[in-house]
Each structure stands twice: as structure tokens, then as C-alpha cells.
Amino acid sequence: MAGNDNHGGTPAAWTLVALVLIGAAVSGVGVAMGSYAWIGAGAAVIVLGLVVGKVMQVTARGKQSA
């Protein structure tokens, strides 16, 4: 069975993961502090990560089709 050994190791995937992790950390701090502003900021970073990751994938920084 021919497989893909890429495992998501593309700049688009790494950028997405990094931004989502940062956003989750910011939101977590917001929950601990009881601050809706921090929770919202973290959520915004997560959404930004999703958008940036998709844009990078579409602009050929994601997995290349064979």
C-alpha cells in the first residue's frame, strides 16, 4: 500500500498548530483570570491560525499532490 510519509510536516501545518496552541494558552490564562477579554483574544488567535493555515495551504505551502 503506497502511503504518504509527510505526516503534516509542512509550513502550513506547523503554523496552524503553533497559532492554535498560542490561542489556547491565551484563552486558558483568560479562564484562570476570569477575563473575557483574554478568552476572546485567545479565540481570535485560534481563528487567525485557522485562516492563516488554510491560506498557506492554498498558496502551495501545504502538502503537494503527486
Protein backbone atom coordinates (compact mmCIF):
# COMPACT_ATOMS: atom_id res chain seq x y z
CA MET A 1 0.00 0.00 0.00
CA ALA A 2 1.51 3.30 -1.07
CA GLY A 3 1.39 5.76 1.79
CA ASN A 4 2.14 9.35 2.49
CA ASP A 5 5.15 9.82 4.77
CA ASN A 6 4.57 13.58 5.08
CA HIS A 7 2.54 13.38 8.33
CA GLY A 8 1.59 17.05 8.10
CA GLY A 9 5.16 18.32 8.30
CA THR A 10 4.55 21.36 6.11
CA PRO A 11 4.98 25.05 6.90
CA ALA A 12 1.19 25.47 6.72
CA ALA A 13 0.58 22.71 9.25
CA TRP A 14 3.27 23.93 11.65
CA THR A 15 1.99 27.50 11.50
CA LEU A 16 -1.57 26.34 12.15
CA VAL A 17 -0.54 24.23 15.15
CA ALA A 18 1.64 26.98 16.63
CA LEU A 19 -1.08 29.62 16.40
CA VAL A 20 -3.79 27.32 17.77
CA LEU A 21 -1.55 26.37 20.72
CA ILE A 22 -0.81 30.02 21.46
CA GLY A 23 -4.51 30.87 21.24
CA ALA A 24 -5.42 28.00 23.55
CA ALA A 25 -2.80 29.13 26.07
CA VAL A 26 -4.07 32.72 25.99
CA SER A 27 -7.65 31.51 26.41
CA GLY A 28 -6.57 29.27 29.28
CA VAL A 29 -4.97 32.22 31.05
CA GLY A 30 -8.19 34.13 30.47
CA VAL A 31 -10.25 31.38 32.05
CA ALA A 32 -7.93 31.28 35.07
CA MET A 33 -8.13 35.07 35.43
CA GLY A 34 -11.85 35.24 34.71
CA SER A 35 -11.19 37.71 31.91
CA TYR A 36 -13.48 37.61 28.90
CA ALA A 37 -11.05 39.88 27.05
CA TRP A 38 -8.25 37.29 27.30
CA ILE A 39 -10.60 34.47 26.36
CA GLY A 40 -11.74 36.44 23.32
CA ALA A 41 -8.17 37.31 22.37
CA GLY A 42 -7.23 33.63 22.53
CA ALA A 43 -10.23 32.68 20.43
CA ALA A 44 -9.25 35.33 17.89
CA VAL A 45 -5.72 33.90 17.66
CA ILE A 46 -7.19 30.43 17.10
CA VAL A 47 -9.41 31.72 14.28
CA LEU A 48 -6.43 33.60 12.83
CA GLY A 49 -4.43 30.37 12.90
CA LEU A 50 -7.15 28.53 11.01
CA VAL A 51 -7.30 31.24 8.35
CA VAL A 52 -3.53 31.57 8.01
CA GLY A 53 -3.08 27.80 7.83
CA LYS A 54 -5.67 27.47 5.08
CA VAL A 55 -4.25 30.40 3.10
CA MET A 56 -0.76 28.90 3.34
CA GLN A 57 -2.06 25.51 2.21
CA VAL A 58 -3.80 27.04 -0.80
CA THR A 59 -0.70 29.06 -1.73
CA ALA A 60 1.37 25.86 -2.09
CA ARG A 61 2.94 25.82 1.37
CA GLY A 62 0.90 22.78 2.31
CA LYS A 63 1.02 19.19 1.13
CA GLN A 64 1.92 18.87 -2.52
CA SER A 65 -0.15 16.42 -4.59
CA ALA A 66 1.73 13.81 -6.52
